[in-house]
Amino acid sequence: MLTERAVPVCGHLGLTPQSVNIFGGYKVQGRDEAAAAQLLDDALALGAACAQLLVLECVPVPLAQRVTEALSIPVIGIGAGNVTDGQILVMHDAFGITGENTPKFAKNFLAHSADIPAAARLYVQEVEQGLYPAEEHSFR
């Protein structure tokens, strides 16, 4: 109904923080074949429903690659490795102000920069060069 009325729609699959308690905590999603198949089916359904893009959060790299290759819309990863069409990282994770529960996929760019604008530029540079996310920020 939304896309029929020209409302842009962004899908979000994998770990959805608003549903973290349903998932039993902050856990990688789509690890077993049944869960991976369901996530891929959901992604295809979102594409068929004319979503403009899909965010994949906290999924294994092979699954992220399968989803990215299966869809014609952009797939943006957060904790999905470097095989998606683009990357996003929550500001608090990128600047190291997450507290004690820093996600594995996060990198503190502020620790390697003089200030917040420089940290943001470093993030962009590392994504464009394919340096981030690296293997240590990904799930298999």
N, C-alpha and C. Protein backbone atom coordinates (compact mmCIF):
# COMPACT_ATOMS: atom_id res chain seq x y z
N MET A 1 0.82 -1.18 0.00
CA MET A 1 0.00 0.00 0.00
C MET A 1 0.88 1.26 0.00
N LEU A 2 1.98 1.25 0.76
CA LEU A 2 2.83 2.44 0.82
C LEU A 2 3.50 2.72 -0.52
N THR A 3 4.09 1.69 -1.10
CA THR A 3 4.79 1.93 -2.37
C THR A 3 3.82 2.31 -3.48
N GLU A 4 2.59 1.83 -3.43
CA GLU A 4 1.57 2.23 -4.41
C GLU A 4 1.25 3.71 -4.30
N ARG A 5 1.53 4.29 -3.15
CA ARG A 5 1.26 5.72 -2.93
C ARG A 5 2.55 6.54 -2.95
N ALA A 6 3.59 5.97 -3.54
CA ALA A 6 4.89 6.63 -3.73
C ALA A 6 5.59 6.98 -2.41
N VAL A 7 5.33 6.19 -1.37
CA VAL A 7 6.04 6.36 -0.10
C VAL A 7 7.26 5.45 -0.15
N PRO A 8 8.45 6.01 -0.03
CA PRO A 8 9.66 5.17 -0.05
C PRO A 8 9.67 4.20 1.13
N VAL A 9 10.04 2.96 0.86
CA VAL A 9 10.06 1.93 1.89
C VAL A 9 11.45 1.32 1.98
N CYS A 10 11.95 1.24 3.21
CA CYS A 10 13.23 0.58 3.49
C CYS A 10 12.93 -0.64 4.35
N GLY A 11 13.29 -1.81 3.86
CA GLY A 11 13.13 -3.03 4.65
C GLY A 11 14.31 -3.19 5.60
N HIS A 12 14.11 -3.95 6.68
CA HIS A 12 15.16 -4.19 7.66
C HIS A 12 15.02 -5.63 8.13
N LEU A 13 16.01 -6.46 7.82
CA LEU A 13 15.98 -7.87 8.19
C LEU A 13 17.24 -8.25 8.96
N GLY A 14 17.17 -9.40 9.59
CA GLY A 14 18.27 -9.85 10.44
C GLY A 14 17.95 -9.45 11.85
N LEU A 15 18.94 -8.88 12.54
CA LEU A 15 18.70 -8.39 13.89
C LEU A 15 18.01 -7.05 13.80
N THR A 16 16.83 -6.98 14.33
CA THR A 16 16.11 -5.71 14.40
C THR A 16 16.06 -5.33 15.88
N PRO A 17 16.82 -4.31 16.27
CA PRO A 17 16.95 -3.99 17.70
C PRO A 17 15.62 -3.80 18.42
N GLN A 18 14.59 -3.34 17.73
CA GLN A 18 13.31 -3.17 18.39
C GLN A 18 12.69 -4.51 18.78
N SER A 19 13.21 -5.60 18.21
CA SER A 19 12.68 -6.93 18.51
C SER A 19 13.70 -7.81 19.23
N VAL A 20 14.73 -7.19 19.81
CA VAL A 20 15.82 -7.95 20.39
C VAL A 20 15.35 -8.92 21.47
N ASN A 21 14.35 -8.57 22.22
CA ASN A 21 13.87 -9.48 23.27
C ASN A 21 13.18 -10.71 22.69
N ILE A 22 12.57 -10.57 21.54
CA ILE A 22 11.95 -11.72 20.87
C ILE A 22 13.02 -12.69 20.40
N PHE A 23 14.18 -12.14 19.96
CA PHE A 23 15.29 -12.96 19.48
C PHE A 23 16.13 -13.55 20.60
N GLY A 24 15.84 -13.19 21.85
CA GLY A 24 16.61 -13.70 22.97
C GLY A 24 17.92 -12.96 23.19
N GLY A 25 17.99 -11.73 22.74
CA GLY A 25 19.19 -10.92 22.92
C GLY A 25 19.79 -10.53 21.59
N TYR A 26 20.92 -9.88 21.66
CA TYR A 26 21.63 -9.44 20.45
C TYR A 26 22.41 -10.62 19.88
N LYS A 27 21.80 -11.31 18.94
CA LYS A 27 22.39 -12.52 18.37
C LYS A 27 22.41 -12.43 16.84
N VAL A 28 23.40 -13.06 16.26
CA VAL A 28 23.47 -13.16 14.81
C VAL A 28 22.25 -13.92 14.31
N GLN A 29 21.66 -13.43 13.24
CA GLN A 29 20.45 -14.03 12.69
C GLN A 29 20.78 -14.79 11.40
N GLY A 30 20.03 -15.85 11.12
CA GLY A 30 20.19 -16.59 9.87
C GLY A 30 21.36 -17.54 9.85
N ARG A 31 21.77 -18.02 10.99
CA ARG A 31 22.92 -18.94 11.04
C ARG A 31 22.58 -20.33 10.51
N ASP A 32 21.42 -20.87 10.87
CA ASP A 32 21.08 -22.21 10.37
C ASP A 32 20.35 -22.08 9.03
N GLU A 33 20.31 -23.17 8.30
CA GLU A 33 19.77 -23.13 6.93
C GLU A 33 18.30 -22.73 6.88
N ALA A 34 17.51 -23.18 7.83
CA ALA A 34 16.08 -22.81 7.84
C ALA A 34 15.91 -21.32 8.06
N ALA A 35 16.64 -20.76 9.01
CA ALA A 35 16.55 -19.32 9.29
C ALA A 35 17.09 -18.51 8.11
N ALA A 36 18.15 -19.00 7.49
CA ALA A 36 18.73 -18.31 6.33
C ALA A 36 17.74 -18.32 5.16
N ALA A 37 17.08 -19.46 4.95
CA ALA A 37 16.11 -19.57 3.86
C ALA A 37 14.93 -18.63 4.11
N GLN A 38 14.48 -18.54 5.36
CA GLN A 38 13.37 -17.64 5.69
C GLN A 38 13.77 -16.19 5.47
N LEU A 39 14.98 -15.82 5.88
CA LEU A 39 15.44 -14.45 5.69
C LEU A 39 15.54 -14.12 4.20
N LEU A 40 16.05 -15.05 3.41
CA LEU A 40 16.13 -14.82 1.96
C LEU A 40 14.73 -14.68 1.36
N ASP A 41 13.80 -15.54 1.78
CA ASP A 41 12.42 -15.43 1.29
C ASP A 41 11.81 -14.08 1.67
N ASP A 42 12.07 -13.63 2.90
CA ASP A 42 11.56 -12.33 3.34
C ASP A 42 12.16 -11.19 2.51
N ALA A 43 13.44 -11.30 2.21
CA ALA A 43 14.10 -10.28 1.39
C ALA A 43 13.50 -10.24 -0.01
N LEU A 44 13.27 -11.39 -0.59
CA LEU A 44 12.66 -11.45 -1.92
C LEU A 44 11.25 -10.87 -1.89
N ALA A 45 10.52 -11.14 -0.82
CA ALA A 45 9.16 -10.58 -0.69
C ALA A 45 9.21 -9.06 -0.60
N LEU A 46 10.16 -8.52 0.14
CA LEU A 46 10.30 -7.06 0.22
C LEU A 46 10.64 -6.47 -1.14
N GLY A 47 11.52 -7.14 -1.88
CA GLY A 47 11.84 -6.68 -3.23
C GLY A 47 10.62 -6.72 -4.13
N ALA A 48 9.85 -7.79 -4.04
CA ALA A 48 8.64 -7.91 -4.86
C ALA A 48 7.59 -6.89 -4.47
N ALA A 49 7.61 -6.45 -3.22
CA ALA A 49 6.65 -5.44 -2.75
C ALA A 49 7.13 -4.02 -3.06
N CYS A 50 8.22 -3.91 -3.80
CA CYS A 50 8.75 -2.63 -4.28
C CYS A 50 9.44 -1.80 -3.21
N ALA A 51 10.02 -2.44 -2.19
CA ALA A 51 10.86 -1.69 -1.25
C ALA A 51 12.01 -1.08 -2.05
N GLN A 52 12.45 0.11 -1.64
CA GLN A 52 13.52 0.79 -2.37
C GLN A 52 14.90 0.31 -1.96
N LEU A 53 15.03 -0.19 -0.74
CA LEU A 53 16.31 -0.74 -0.28
C LEU A 53 16.07 -1.63 0.91
N LEU A 54 17.11 -2.38 1.26
CA LEU A 54 17.02 -3.32 2.38
C LEU A 54 18.24 -3.14 3.26
N VAL A 55 18.03 -3.04 4.56
CA VAL A 55 19.11 -3.06 5.54
C VAL A 55 19.19 -4.47 6.10
N LEU A 56 20.38 -5.05 6.06
CA LEU A 56 20.64 -6.37 6.64
C LEU A 56 21.52 -6.17 7.85
N GLU A 57 21.05 -6.59 9.02
CA GLU A 57 21.80 -6.37 10.24
C GLU A 57 22.16 -7.67 10.93
N CYS A 58 23.44 -7.80 11.21
CA CYS A 58 23.96 -8.89 12.04
C CYS A 58 23.62 -10.27 11.45
N VAL A 59 24.05 -10.48 10.22
CA VAL A 59 23.86 -11.77 9.55
C VAL A 59 25.21 -12.26 9.04
N PRO A 60 25.36 -13.57 8.88
CA PRO A 60 26.61 -14.11 8.36
C PRO A 60 26.90 -13.60 6.94
N VAL A 61 28.16 -13.41 6.64
CA VAL A 61 28.58 -12.90 5.34
C VAL A 61 28.02 -13.72 4.18
N PRO A 62 28.09 -15.06 4.21
CA PRO A 62 27.55 -15.82 3.07
C PRO A 62 26.07 -15.55 2.82
N LEU A 63 25.29 -15.39 3.88
CA LEU A 63 23.86 -15.08 3.72
C LEU A 63 23.69 -13.67 3.16
N ALA A 64 24.45 -12.72 3.66
CA ALA A 64 24.38 -11.36 3.13
C ALA A 64 24.69 -11.34 1.64
N GLN A 65 25.65 -12.13 1.23
CA GLN A 65 26.00 -12.19 -0.19
C GLN A 65 24.87 -12.80 -1.01
N ARG A 66 24.25 -13.86 -0.49
CA ARG A 66 23.12 -14.49 -1.21
C ARG A 66 21.98 -13.49 -1.39
N VAL A 67 21.66 -12.76 -0.33
CA VAL A 67 20.58 -11.78 -0.39
C VAL A 67 20.94 -10.66 -1.37
N THR A 68 22.15 -10.14 -1.27
CA THR A 68 22.58 -9.04 -2.14
C THR A 68 22.51 -9.45 -3.61
N GLU A 69 22.96 -10.65 -3.91
CA GLU A 69 22.94 -11.13 -5.30
C GLU A 69 21.53 -11.41 -5.79
N ALA A 70 20.62 -11.76 -4.90
CA ALA A 70 19.26 -12.12 -5.30
C ALA A 70 18.37 -10.90 -5.55
N LEU A 71 18.73 -9.75 -4.99
CA LEU A 71 17.87 -8.58 -5.10
C LEU A 71 18.40 -7.58 -6.12
N SER A 72 17.48 -6.86 -6.73
CA SER A 72 17.88 -5.79 -7.65
C SER A 72 17.90 -4.43 -6.95
N ILE A 73 17.42 -4.37 -5.71
CA ILE A 73 17.46 -3.13 -4.94
C ILE A 73 18.76 -3.10 -4.12
N PRO A 74 19.21 -1.92 -3.70
CA PRO A 74 20.42 -1.86 -2.88
C PRO A 74 20.23 -2.55 -1.53
N VAL A 75 21.27 -3.27 -1.12
CA VAL A 75 21.30 -3.92 0.18
C VAL A 75 22.40 -3.23 0.99
N ILE A 76 22.03 -2.70 2.14
CA ILE A 76 22.95 -1.97 3.00
C ILE A 76 23.22 -2.83 4.23
N GLY A 77 24.48 -3.05 4.52
CA GLY A 77 24.86 -3.92 5.63
C GLY A 77 25.25 -3.17 6.88
N ILE A 78 24.91 -3.76 8.01
CA ILE A 78 25.42 -3.36 9.31
C ILE A 78 25.66 -4.67 10.06
N GLY A 79 26.91 -5.04 10.13
CA GLY A 79 27.24 -6.34 10.69
C GLY A 79 26.93 -7.46 9.73
N ALA A 80 27.05 -7.19 8.43
CA ALA A 80 26.78 -8.18 7.39
C ALA A 80 27.98 -8.34 6.45
N GLY A 81 29.15 -7.95 6.90
CA GLY A 81 30.36 -8.07 6.08
C GLY A 81 30.43 -7.01 5.02
N ASN A 82 31.39 -7.17 4.11
CA ASN A 82 31.61 -6.17 3.06
C ASN A 82 31.10 -6.61 1.70
N VAL A 83 30.12 -7.51 1.69
CA VAL A 83 29.59 -8.04 0.43
C VAL A 83 28.29 -7.37 0.00
N THR A 84 27.80 -6.44 0.80
CA THR A 84 26.56 -5.75 0.46
C THR A 84 26.88 -4.54 -0.44
N ASP A 85 25.83 -3.89 -0.92
CA ASP A 85 26.01 -2.74 -1.82
C ASP A 85 26.50 -1.49 -1.09
N GLY A 86 26.30 -1.43 0.21
CA GLY A 86 26.72 -0.27 0.98
C GLY A 86 26.79 -0.63 2.45
N GLN A 87 27.24 0.33 3.25
CA GLN A 87 27.42 0.11 4.68
C GLN A 87 26.76 1.23 5.47
N ILE A 88 26.35 0.88 6.67
CA ILE A 88 25.87 1.87 7.63
C ILE A 88 26.41 1.45 8.99
N LEU A 89 26.69 2.41 9.83
CA LEU A 89 27.13 2.13 11.18
C LEU A 89 26.53 3.20 12.07
N VAL A 90 25.90 2.78 13.16
CA VAL A 90 25.29 3.72 14.08
C VAL A 90 26.37 4.64 14.64
N MET A 91 26.06 5.92 14.72
CA MET A 91 27.02 6.92 15.16
C MET A 91 27.70 6.54 16.48
N HIS A 92 26.94 6.06 17.43
CA HIS A 92 27.50 5.70 18.73
C HIS A 92 28.56 4.59 18.59
N ASP A 93 28.32 3.64 17.68
CA ASP A 93 29.29 2.57 17.44
C ASP A 93 30.52 3.11 16.72
N ALA A 94 30.33 3.99 15.75
CA ALA A 94 31.45 4.53 14.97
C ALA A 94 32.34 5.44 15.80
N PHE A 95 31.79 6.03 16.86
CA PHE A 95 32.58 6.96 17.68
C PHE A 95 32.94 6.38 19.05
N GLY A 96 32.66 5.09 19.25
CA GLY A 96 33.08 4.42 20.47
C GLY A 96 32.37 4.87 21.73
N ILE A 97 31.12 5.27 21.61
CA ILE A 97 30.38 5.71 22.80
C ILE A 97 29.20 4.79 23.07
N THR A 98 29.42 3.50 22.90
CA THR A 98 28.36 2.51 23.07
C THR A 98 28.29 1.94 24.47
N GLY A 99 29.27 2.22 25.30
CA GLY A 99 29.28 1.63 26.63
C GLY A 99 29.96 0.28 26.60
N GLU A 100 29.48 -0.63 27.44
CA GLU A 100 30.13 -1.93 27.59
C GLU A 100 29.73 -2.95 26.51
N ASN A 101 28.64 -2.74 25.83
CA ASN A 101 28.13 -3.73 24.88
C ASN A 101 28.41 -3.31 23.44
N THR A 102 29.67 -3.19 23.08
CA THR A 102 30.04 -2.81 21.72
C THR A 102 29.84 -4.02 20.81
N PRO A 103 29.07 -3.88 19.73
CA PRO A 103 28.88 -5.01 18.81
C PRO A 103 30.19 -5.39 18.13
N LYS A 104 30.32 -6.66 17.80
CA LYS A 104 31.52 -7.15 17.11
C LYS A 104 31.76 -6.39 15.81
N PHE A 105 30.70 -6.01 15.13
CA PHE A 105 30.85 -5.37 13.83
C PHE A 105 31.23 -3.90 13.91
N ALA A 106 31.26 -3.34 15.11
CA ALA A 106 31.57 -1.92 15.27
C ALA A 106 33.07 -1.68 15.28
N LYS A 107 33.44 -0.50 14.85
CA LYS A 107 34.83 -0.04 14.92
C LYS A 107 34.80 1.40 15.42
N ASN A 108 35.65 1.70 16.38
CA ASN A 108 35.72 3.04 16.94
C ASN A 108 36.64 3.90 16.06
N PHE A 109 36.04 4.62 15.13
CA PHE A 109 36.82 5.46 14.22
C PHE A 109 37.34 6.71 14.92
N LEU A 110 36.69 7.11 15.99
CA LEU A 110 37.15 8.28 16.74
C LEU A 110 38.48 8.01 17.42
N ALA A 111 38.73 6.76 17.82
CA ALA A 111 40.00 6.40 18.46
C ALA A 111 41.18 6.58 17.51
N HIS A 112 40.91 6.62 16.22
CA HIS A 112 41.96 6.75 15.21
C HIS A 112 41.93 8.12 14.53
N SER A 113 41.24 9.07 15.14
CA SER A 113 41.04 10.38 14.54
C SER A 113 41.18 11.47 15.59
N ALA A 114 41.34 12.70 15.11
CA ALA A 114 41.50 13.83 16.01
C ALA A 114 40.17 14.35 16.56
N ASP A 115 39.09 14.17 15.77
CA ASP A 115 37.79 14.70 16.18
C ASP A 115 36.69 13.97 15.42
N ILE A 116 35.45 14.32 15.71
CA ILE A 116 34.31 13.62 15.10
C ILE A 116 34.26 13.80 13.59
N PRO A 117 34.45 15.00 13.04
CA PRO A 117 34.45 15.12 11.58
C PRO A 117 35.54 14.25 10.92
N ALA A 118 36.70 14.19 11.52
CA ALA A 118 37.77 13.36 10.97
C ALA A 118 37.41 11.88 11.07
N ALA A 119 36.76 11.49 12.17
CA ALA A 119 36.34 10.09 12.32
C ALA A 119 35.31 9.72 11.26
N ALA A 120 34.38 10.62 10.98
CA ALA A 120 33.38 10.36 9.94
C ALA A 120 34.06 10.22 8.58
N ARG A 121 35.02 11.08 8.29
CA ARG A 121 35.76 10.98 7.02
C ARG A 121 36.53 9.67 6.93
N LEU A 122 37.13 9.24 8.04
CA LEU A 122 37.86 7.97 8.07
C LEU A 122 36.93 6.80 7.80
N TYR A 123 35.75 6.83 8.40
CA TYR A 123 34.75 5.78 8.16
C TYR A 123 34.43 5.70 6.67
N VAL A 124 34.12 6.82 6.06
CA VAL A 124 33.80 6.85 4.63
C VAL A 124 34.97 6.32 3.80
N GLN A 125 36.14 6.77 4.12
CA GLN A 125 37.34 6.35 3.39
C GLN A 125 37.54 4.83 3.50
N GLU A 126 37.43 4.28 4.69
CA GLU A 126 37.64 2.84 4.86
C GLU A 126 36.56 2.02 4.18
N VAL A 127 35.32 2.50 4.18
CA VAL A 127 34.26 1.79 3.46
C VAL A 127 34.52 1.84 1.96
N GLU A 128 34.84 3.00 1.45
CA GLU A 128 35.10 3.14 0.01
C GLU A 128 36.28 2.29 -0.44
N GLN A 129 37.30 2.15 0.41
CA GLN A 129 38.48 1.36 0.06
C GLN A 129 38.31 -0.13 0.36
N GLY A 130 37.17 -0.51 0.90
CA GLY A 130 36.93 -1.91 1.22
C GLY A 130 37.69 -2.40 2.45
N LEU A 131 38.18 -1.48 3.27
CA LEU A 131 38.91 -1.85 4.48
C LEU A 131 37.98 -2.12 5.66
N TYR A 132 36.82 -1.50 5.63
CA TYR A 132 35.81 -1.71 6.67
C TYR A 132 34.49 -2.05 6.01
N PRO A 133 33.80 -3.06 6.50
CA PRO A 133 34.16 -3.91 7.61
C PRO A 133 35.17 -4.97 7.20
N ALA A 134 36.11 -5.22 8.08
CA ALA A 134 37.13 -6.24 7.87
C ALA A 134 36.62 -7.57 8.43
N GLU A 135 37.42 -8.59 8.28
CA GLU A 135 37.02 -9.93 8.75
C GLU A 135 36.66 -9.93 10.23
N GLU A 136 37.40 -9.15 11.04
CA GLU A 136 37.13 -9.15 12.48
C GLU A 136 35.81 -8.46 12.84
N HIS A 137 35.19 -7.79 11.88
CA HIS A 137 33.90 -7.14 12.11
C HIS A 137 32.75 -7.93 11.49
N SER A 138 33.03 -9.15 11.03
CA SER A 138 32.05 -9.92 10.27
C SER A 138 31.75 -11.25 10.97
N PHE A 139 30.63 -11.86 10.56
CA PHE A 139 30.20 -13.14 11.11
C PHE A 139 30.23 -14.17 10.00
N ARG A 140 30.63 -15.36 10.31
CA ARG A 140 30.67 -16.47 9.34
C ARG A 140 29.69 -17.54 9.68
